[in-house]
Amino acid sequence: MRDARAKVIAVLLLIVVGAALLAGCGGDSKPPPPGTPSAAEFLVNEEVLAEQPKGSPEEALMTWWRSIQYNDFDGYLNELATPLRGQRERDKQARNELALVSGELNRAQPKIVHLQRSGNQATVFTRVESRQPVGATRYTTSSIPQAFTLTRQNGEWKIADDFYVKRRAQTIEEAIAAAKQQ
């Protein structure tokens, strides 16, 4: 009789625990309203820009990054050093590359780790933090180290090397080509 009673109690306990777990799985939660930005969105905003020292390499980097995120081709070009800007203006793929990278970098932002300055040259060492959506309201974060080189021209810091954008665009193009072949 005790064994039968213990089994009944165990079964009832399992039912209660199972019901509690199911109730906690978001049965009553609603998805965000249409048009709500993804929780993984990680845009550079005015607050992020205001945190950077005025006229600094850090501010120039974050302004350039924001132009990429918003697919602002003119803003992107404006933040490049003159020789690089000329190259990118002549590059017929530059606008398409920016559009590809823009979509990816809406969920990424550089976190500045260190600044190394020598005269009119600066290297901003960062960890580019990327958010990956998990469902509609959560995300996971990963990061990679990345350095950005800047040069001072006419008193303003400009991006001297945009290999990061070129490489990200190439990686995306390769993934698209591979997906098309499947």
C-alpha atoms as a PDB file:
ATOM      1  CA  MET A   1       0.000   0.000   0.000  1.00  0.00           C
ATOM      2  CA  ARG A   2       2.850   2.371   0.832  1.00  0.00           C
ATOM      3  CA  ASP A   3       4.477   1.658  -2.565  1.00  0.00           C
ATOM      4  CA  ALA A   4       1.218   2.417  -4.385  1.00  0.00           C
ATOM      5  CA  ARG A   5       0.778   5.614  -2.385  1.00  0.00           C
ATOM      6  CA  ALA A   6       4.408   6.672  -3.096  1.00  0.00           C
ATOM      7  CA  LYS A   7       3.908   6.036  -6.815  1.00  0.00           C
ATOM      8  CA  VAL A   8       0.719   8.129  -6.869  1.00  0.00           C
ATOM      9  CA  ILE A   9       2.482  10.977  -5.022  1.00  0.00           C
ATOM     10  CA  ALA A  10       5.455  10.742  -7.414  1.00  0.00           C
ATOM     11  CA  VAL A  11       3.167  10.841 -10.457  1.00  0.00           C
ATOM     12  CA  LEU A  12       1.228  13.808  -9.055  1.00  0.00           C
ATOM     13  CA  LEU A  13       4.495  15.605  -8.285  1.00  0.00           C
ATOM     14  CA  LEU A  14       5.712  15.028 -11.846  1.00  0.00           C
ATOM     15  CA  ILE A  15       2.434  16.381 -13.221  1.00  0.00           C
ATOM     16  CA  VAL A  16       2.686  19.518 -11.057  1.00  0.00           C
ATOM     17  CA  VAL A  17       6.347  20.094 -11.992  1.00  0.00           C
ATOM     18  CA  GLY A  18       5.585  19.490 -15.687  1.00  0.00           C
ATOM     19  CA  ALA A  19       2.691  21.947 -15.603  1.00  0.00           C
ATOM     20  CA  ALA A  20       4.861  24.539 -13.885  1.00  0.00           C
ATOM     21  CA  LEU A  21       7.571  24.109 -16.512  1.00  0.00           C
ATOM     22  CA  LEU A  22       5.096  24.430 -19.358  1.00  0.00           C
ATOM     23  CA  ALA A  23       3.598  27.545 -17.803  1.00  0.00           C
ATOM     24  CA  GLY A  24       7.075  29.095 -17.661  1.00  0.00           C
ATOM     25  CA  CYS A  25       7.731  28.454 -21.363  1.00  0.00           C
ATOM     26  CA  GLY A  26       6.050  31.623 -22.497  1.00  0.00           C
ATOM     27  CA  GLY A  27       2.615  30.273 -23.266  1.00  0.00           C
ATOM     28  CA  ASP A  28       1.039  33.639 -22.424  1.00  0.00           C
ATOM     29  CA  SER A  29       3.906  35.807 -23.720  1.00  0.00           C
ATOM     30  CA  LYS A  30       3.272  37.784 -26.842  1.00  0.00           C
ATOM     31  CA  PRO A  31       5.777  38.587 -29.574  1.00  0.00           C
ATOM     32  CA  PRO A  32       6.865  42.193 -29.842  1.00  0.00           C
ATOM     33  CA  PRO A  33       4.614  44.422 -31.952  1.00  0.00           C
ATOM     34  CA  PRO A  34       5.431  44.651 -35.674  1.00  0.00           C
ATOM     35  CA  GLY A  35       8.154  47.182 -36.395  1.00  0.00           C
ATOM     36  CA  THR A  36       9.809  46.722 -32.999  1.00  0.00           C
ATOM     37  CA  PRO A  37      13.601  46.583 -33.398  1.00  0.00           C
ATOM     38  CA  SER A  38      15.196  43.224 -32.713  1.00  0.00           C
ATOM     39  CA  ALA A  39      16.619  42.806 -29.232  1.00  0.00           C
ATOM     40  CA  ALA A  40      19.914  42.016 -30.984  1.00  0.00           C
ATOM     41  CA  GLU A  41      20.061  45.441 -32.683  1.00  0.00           C
ATOM     42  CA  PHE A  42      23.209  47.232 -31.495  1.00  0.00           C
ATOM     43  CA  LEU A  43      23.303  50.601 -33.245  1.00  0.00           C
ATOM     44  CA  VAL A  44      25.742  53.392 -32.485  1.00  0.00           C
ATOM     45  CA  ASN A  45      23.570  56.243 -31.241  1.00  0.00           C
ATOM     46  CA  GLU A  46      24.153  59.799 -30.018  1.00  0.00           C
ATOM     47  CA  GLU A  47      24.809  58.559 -26.487  1.00  0.00           C
ATOM     48  CA  VAL A  48      27.604  56.258 -27.687  1.00  0.00           C
ATOM     49  CA  LEU A  49      29.128  59.090 -29.738  1.00  0.00           C
ATOM     50  CA  ALA A  50      28.911  61.498 -26.790  1.00  0.00           C
ATOM     51  CA  GLU A  51      30.940  59.037 -24.678  1.00  0.00           C
ATOM     52  CA  GLN A  52      33.929  59.490 -27.020  1.00  0.00           C
ATOM     53  CA  PRO A  53      36.366  62.361 -26.519  1.00  0.00           C
ATOM     54  CA  LYS A  54      35.543  65.169 -28.994  1.00  0.00           C
ATOM     55  CA  GLY A  55      37.807  65.218 -32.034  1.00  0.00           C
ATOM     56  CA  SER A  56      39.430  61.914 -31.056  1.00  0.00           C
ATOM     57  CA  PRO A  57      40.285  58.811 -33.086  1.00  0.00           C
ATOM     58  CA  GLU A  58      37.669  56.974 -31.008  1.00  0.00           C
ATOM     59  CA  GLU A  59      34.950  59.430 -32.036  1.00  0.00           C
ATOM     60  CA  ALA A  60      36.003  59.152 -35.703  1.00  0.00           C
ATOM     61  CA  LEU A  61      35.856  55.349 -35.527  1.00  0.00           C
ATOM     62  CA  MET A  62      32.409  55.297 -33.952  1.00  0.00           C
ATOM     63  CA  THR A  63      31.075  57.890 -36.434  1.00  0.00           C
ATOM     64  CA  TRP A  64      32.400  55.784 -39.328  1.00  0.00           C
ATOM     65  CA  TRP A  65      30.830  52.656 -37.793  1.00  0.00           C
ATOM     66  CA  ARG A  66      27.461  54.390 -37.474  1.00  0.00           C
ATOM     67  CA  SER A  67      27.613  55.425 -41.149  1.00  0.00           C
ATOM     68  CA  ILE A  68      28.181  51.777 -42.053  1.00  0.00           C
ATOM     69  CA  GLN A  69      25.296  50.608 -39.858  1.00  0.00           C
ATOM     70  CA  TYR A  70      22.916  53.053 -41.523  1.00  0.00           C
ATOM     71  CA  ASN A  71      24.253  52.289 -45.021  1.00  0.00           C
ATOM     72  CA  ASP A  72      25.169  55.983 -45.328  1.00  0.00           C
ATOM     73  CA  PHE A  73      27.596  55.844 -48.255  1.00  0.00           C
ATOM     74  CA  ASP A  74      28.430  59.572 -48.193  1.00  0.00           C
ATOM     75  CA  GLY A  75      29.001  59.508 -44.435  1.00  0.00           C
ATOM     76  CA  TYR A  76      31.155  56.392 -44.799  1.00  0.00           C
ATOM     77  CA  LEU A  77      33.276  58.055 -47.501  1.00  0.00           C
ATOM     78  CA  ASN A  78      33.538  61.272 -45.466  1.00  0.00           C
ATOM     79  CA  GLU A  79      35.226  59.395 -42.611  1.00  0.00           C
ATOM     80  CA  LEU A  80      37.929  57.902 -44.875  1.00  0.00           C
ATOM     81  CA  ALA A  81      41.407  59.383 -45.351  1.00  0.00           C
ATOM     82  CA  THR A  82      41.777  61.159 -48.703  1.00  0.00           C
ATOM     83  CA  PRO A  83      43.762  58.437 -50.560  1.00  0.00           C
ATOM     84  CA  LEU A  84      41.417  55.687 -49.366  1.00  0.00           C
ATOM     85  CA  ARG A  85      38.355  57.785 -50.104  1.00  0.00           C
ATOM     86  CA  GLY A  86      39.546  58.235 -53.686  1.00  0.00           C
ATOM     87  CA  GLN A  87      40.039  54.478 -54.060  1.00  0.00           C
ATOM     88  CA  ARG A  88      36.596  53.688 -52.681  1.00  0.00           C
ATOM     89  CA  GLU A  89      34.907  56.351 -54.838  1.00  0.00           C
ATOM     90  CA  ARG A  90      36.438  54.732 -57.946  1.00  0.00           C
ATOM     91  CA  ASP A  91      35.591  51.196 -56.763  1.00  0.00           C
ATOM     92  CA  LYS A  92      32.374  50.161 -58.513  1.00  0.00           C
ATOM     93  CA  GLN A  93      31.685  47.572 -55.789  1.00  0.00           C
ATOM     94  CA  ALA A  94      32.081  49.923 -52.818  1.00  0.00           C
ATOM     95  CA  ARG A  95      28.396  50.862 -52.523  1.00  0.00           C
ATOM     96  CA  ASN A  96      27.273  47.211 -52.782  1.00  0.00           C
ATOM     97  CA  GLU A  97      29.901  46.119 -50.266  1.00  0.00           C
ATOM     98  CA  LEU A  98      28.690  48.740 -47.814  1.00  0.00           C
ATOM     99  CA  ALA A  99      25.087  47.576 -48.225  1.00  0.00           C
ATOM    100  CA  LEU A 100      26.084  43.961 -47.492  1.00  0.00           C
ATOM    101  CA  VAL A 101      28.124  44.865 -44.438  1.00  0.00           C
ATOM    102  CA  SER A 102      25.533  47.331 -43.145  1.00  0.00           C
ATOM    103  CA  GLY A 103      22.970  44.596 -42.593  1.00  0.00           C
ATOM    104  CA  GLU A 104      25.443  42.530 -40.585  1.00  0.00           C
ATOM    105  CA  LEU A 105      26.850  45.378 -38.501  1.00  0.00           C
ATOM    106  CA  ASN A 106      23.424  46.482 -37.256  1.00  0.00           C
ATOM    107  CA  ARG A 107      24.037  43.843 -34.585  1.00  0.00           C
ATOM    108  CA  ALA A 108      27.688  44.726 -33.888  1.00  0.00           C
ATOM    109  CA  GLN A 109      29.617  47.502 -32.232  1.00  0.00           C
ATOM    110  CA  PRO A 110      33.299  48.031 -31.456  1.00  0.00           C
ATOM    111  CA  LYS A 111      34.174  48.325 -27.787  1.00  0.00           C
ATOM    112  CA  ILE A 112      37.375  50.301 -27.447  1.00  0.00           C
ATOM    113  CA  VAL A 113      40.084  48.502 -25.508  1.00  0.00           C
ATOM    114  CA  HIS A 114      43.155  50.651 -26.122  1.00  0.00           C
ATOM    115  CA  LEU A 115      44.345  53.629 -28.154  1.00  0.00           C
ATOM    116  CA  GLN A 116      47.899  53.875 -29.457  1.00  0.00           C
ATOM    117  CA  ARG A 117      48.852  57.291 -30.843  1.00  0.00           C
ATOM    118  CA  SER A 118      52.020  58.491 -32.501  1.00  0.00           C
ATOM    119  CA  GLY A 119      51.922  61.907 -34.117  1.00  0.00           C
ATOM    120  CA  ASN A 120      49.310  61.906 -36.871  1.00  0.00           C
ATOM    121  CA  GLN A 121      48.755  58.135 -36.730  1.00  0.00           C
ATOM    122  CA  ALA A 122      46.528  56.220 -34.325  1.00  0.00           C
ATOM    123  CA  THR A 123      45.493  52.632 -33.885  1.00  0.00           C
ATOM    124  CA  VAL A 124      42.274  51.950 -32.030  1.00  0.00           C
ATOM    125  CA  PHE A 125      42.254  48.451 -30.578  1.00  0.00           C
ATOM    126  CA  THR A 126      38.753  47.103 -30.101  1.00  0.00           C
ATOM    127  CA  ARG A 127      36.690  44.020 -29.448  1.00  0.00           C
ATOM    128  CA  VAL A 128      33.883  43.993 -31.985  1.00  0.00           C
ATOM    129  CA  GLU A 129      30.892  42.714 -30.031  1.00  0.00           C
ATOM    130  CA  SER A 130      28.258  40.969 -32.131  1.00  0.00           C
ATOM    131  CA  ARG A 131      24.774  40.028 -31.013  1.00  0.00           C
ATOM    132  CA  GLN A 132      23.003  36.973 -32.414  1.00  0.00           C
ATOM    133  CA  PRO A 133      19.229  36.841 -31.955  1.00  0.00           C
ATOM    134  CA  VAL A 134      17.756  34.049 -29.872  1.00  0.00           C
ATOM    135  CA  GLY A 135      14.025  34.243 -30.438  1.00  0.00           C
ATOM    136  CA  ALA A 136      12.289  37.608 -30.613  1.00  0.00           C
ATOM    137  CA  THR A 137      13.456  39.169 -27.360  1.00  0.00           C
ATOM    138  CA  ARG A 138      16.893  37.775 -26.468  1.00  0.00           C
ATOM    139  CA  TYR A 139      20.390  37.484 -27.917  1.00  0.00           C
ATOM    140  CA  THR A 140      23.829  36.025 -27.277  1.00  0.00           C
ATOM    141  CA  THR A 141      27.006  38.063 -27.584  1.00  0.00           C
ATOM    142  CA  SER A 142      30.381  37.137 -29.004  1.00  0.00           C
ATOM    143  CA  SER A 143      33.394  39.310 -29.718  1.00  0.00           C
ATOM    144  CA  ILE A 144      36.547  39.342 -31.810  1.00  0.00           C
ATOM    145  CA  PRO A 145      39.616  41.554 -31.489  1.00  0.00           C
ATOM    146  CA  GLN A 146      40.052  44.105 -34.269  1.00  0.00           C
ATOM    147  CA  ALA A 147      42.403  47.065 -34.699  1.00  0.00           C
ATOM    148  CA  PHE A 148      41.562  50.104 -36.820  1.00  0.00           C
ATOM    149  CA  THR A 149      44.188  52.498 -38.213  1.00  0.00           C
ATOM    150  CA  LEU A 150      43.459  56.196 -38.433  1.00  0.00           C
ATOM    151  CA  THR A 151      45.394  59.216 -39.654  1.00  0.00           C
ATOM    152  CA  ARG A 152      44.978  62.898 -38.855  1.00  0.00           C
ATOM    153  CA  GLN A 153      44.255  65.114 -41.872  1.00  0.00           C
ATOM    154  CA  ASN A 154      43.631  68.833 -41.548  1.00  0.00           C
ATOM    155  CA  GLY A 155      43.063  68.397 -37.818  1.00  0.00           C
ATOM    156  CA  GLU A 156      40.500  65.562 -38.199  1.00  0.00           C
ATOM    157  CA  TRP A 157      40.966  61.847 -37.610  1.00  0.00           C
ATOM    158  CA  LYS A 158      40.109  59.696 -40.629  1.00  0.00           C
ATOM    159  CA  ILE A 159      39.999  55.934 -41.237  1.00  0.00           C
ATOM    160  CA  ALA A 160      43.228  54.988 -43.053  1.00  0.00           C
ATOM    161  CA  ASP A 161      42.347  51.365 -43.814  1.00  0.00           C
ATOM    162  CA  ASP A 162      38.920  49.858 -44.386  1.00  0.00           C
ATOM    163  CA  PHE A 163      40.090  46.291 -44.919  1.00  0.00           C
ATOM    164  CA  TYR A 164      37.533  45.266 -42.286  1.00  0.00           C
ATOM    165  CA  VAL A 165      34.640  46.336 -44.550  1.00  0.00           C
ATOM    166  CA  LYS A 166      36.202  44.764 -47.654  1.00  0.00           C
ATOM    167  CA  ARG A 167      36.800  41.473 -45.844  1.00  0.00           C
ATOM    168  CA  ARG A 168      33.332  41.339 -44.246  1.00  0.00           C
ATOM    169  CA  ALA A 169      31.741  42.009 -47.659  1.00  0.00           C
ATOM    170  CA  GLN A 170      33.852  39.239 -49.236  1.00  0.00           C
ATOM    171  CA  THR A 171      32.826  36.775 -46.511  1.00  0.00           C
ATOM    172  CA  ILE A 172      29.138  37.620 -46.991  1.00  0.00           C
ATOM    173  CA  GLU A 173      29.425  37.316 -50.792  1.00  0.00           C
ATOM    174  CA  GLU A 174      31.079  33.896 -50.407  1.00  0.00           C
ATOM    175  CA  ALA A 175      28.298  32.725 -48.078  1.00  0.00           C
ATOM    176  CA  ILE A 176      25.632  33.904 -50.533  1.00  0.00           C
ATOM    177  CA  ALA A 177      27.368  32.125 -53.415  1.00  0.00           C
ATOM    178  CA  ALA A 178      27.653  28.915 -51.376  1.00  0.00           C
ATOM    179  CA  ALA A 179      23.967  29.093 -50.428  1.00  0.00           C
ATOM    180  CA  LYS A 180      22.980  29.524 -54.089  1.00  0.00           C
ATOM    181  CA  GLN A 181      24.911  26.390 -55.023  1.00  0.00           C
ATOM    182  CA  GLN A 182      23.005  24.223 -52.553  1.00  0.00           C
END
